[in-house]
C-alpha atoms as a PDB file:
ATOM      1  CA  MET A   1     116.188  89.135  89.608  1.00  0.00           C
ATOM      2  CA  ARG A   2     114.966  89.308  93.154  1.00  0.00           C
ATOM      3  CA  ALA A   3     113.207  85.918  93.098  1.00  0.00           C
ATOM      4  CA  LEU A   4     116.401  84.183  91.965  1.00  0.00           C
ATOM      5  CA  ALA A   5     118.403  85.869  94.713  1.00  0.00           C
ATOM      6  CA  GLU A   6     115.800  84.787  97.282  1.00  0.00           C
ATOM      7  CA  LEU A   7     116.011  81.219  95.989  1.00  0.00           C
ATOM      8  CA  ASP A   8     119.772  81.307  96.515  1.00  0.00           C
ATOM      9  CA  GLU A   9     119.251  82.630 100.059  1.00  0.00           C
ATOM     10  CA  SER A  10     116.446  80.119 100.779  1.00  0.00           C
ATOM     11  CA  SER A  11     114.116  83.020 101.603  1.00  0.00           C
ATOM     12  CA  TYR A  12     111.798  82.780  98.579  1.00  0.00           C
ATOM     13  CA  GLY A  13     108.118  82.712  99.482  1.00  0.00           C
ATOM     14  CA  GLY A  14     108.284  84.715 102.702  1.00  0.00           C
ATOM     15  CA  CYS A  15     106.373  87.945 103.238  1.00  0.00           C
ATOM     16  CA  ASP A  16     108.582  91.062 103.303  1.00  0.00           C
ATOM     17  CA  VAL A  17     106.464  92.595 106.090  1.00  0.00           C
ATOM     18  CA  CYS A  18     105.681  89.810 108.565  1.00  0.00           C
ATOM     19  CA  GLY A  19     107.926  86.973 107.385  1.00  0.00           C
ATOM     20  CA  LYS A  20     105.101  84.442 107.179  1.00  0.00           C
ATOM     21  CA  PRO A  21     104.965  82.127 104.151  1.00  0.00           C
ATOM     22  CA  ILE A  22     103.093  83.707 101.250  1.00  0.00           C
ATOM     23  CA  GLY A  23     101.495  80.421 100.218  1.00  0.00           C
ATOM     24  CA  ALA A  24     101.462  78.342  97.070  1.00  0.00           C
ATOM     25  CA  SER A  25      98.358  79.792  95.390  1.00  0.00           C
ATOM     26  CA  PRO A  26      99.470  83.442  95.469  1.00  0.00           C
ATOM     27  CA  LEU A  27     102.964  82.471  94.332  1.00  0.00           C
ATOM     28  CA  GLU A  28     101.539  80.448  91.450  1.00  0.00           C
ATOM     29  CA  ALA A  29      99.531  83.473  90.341  1.00  0.00           C
ATOM     30  CA  LEU A  30     102.332  86.011  90.959  1.00  0.00           C
ATOM     31  CA  PRO A  31     105.731  84.323  91.397  1.00  0.00           C
ATOM     32  CA  TRP A  32     107.256  87.730  92.212  1.00  0.00           C
ATOM     33  CA  ALA A  33     104.810  88.382  95.114  1.00  0.00           C
ATOM     34  CA  ALA A  34     106.570  89.930  98.102  1.00  0.00           C
ATOM     35  CA  LEU A  35     103.643  90.159 100.541  1.00  0.00           C
ATOM     36  CA  CYS A  36     101.279  87.634 102.091  1.00  0.00           C
ATOM     37  CA  VAL A  37      97.562  88.046 101.360  1.00  0.00           C
ATOM     38  CA  GLU A  38      96.906  89.778 104.688  1.00  0.00           C
ATOM     39  CA  ASP A  39      99.660  92.365 104.305  1.00  0.00           C
ATOM     40  CA  ALA A  40      98.816  92.948 100.631  1.00  0.00           C
ATOM     41  CA  ALA A  41      95.201  93.650 101.619  1.00  0.00           C
ATOM     42  CA  ARG A  42      96.340  96.365 104.053  1.00  0.00           C
ATOM     43  CA  ARG A  43      97.978  98.351 101.252  1.00  0.00           C
END
């Protein structure tokens, strides 16, 4: 799973587009989130 691989790489919780932290609340709701709120809103 991607989230487990990111945990191993210490990159879990970072936005795939901008690299900023996704934040605790979005990750609690969707642990597999790959985009921050701002970048997700642009899609």
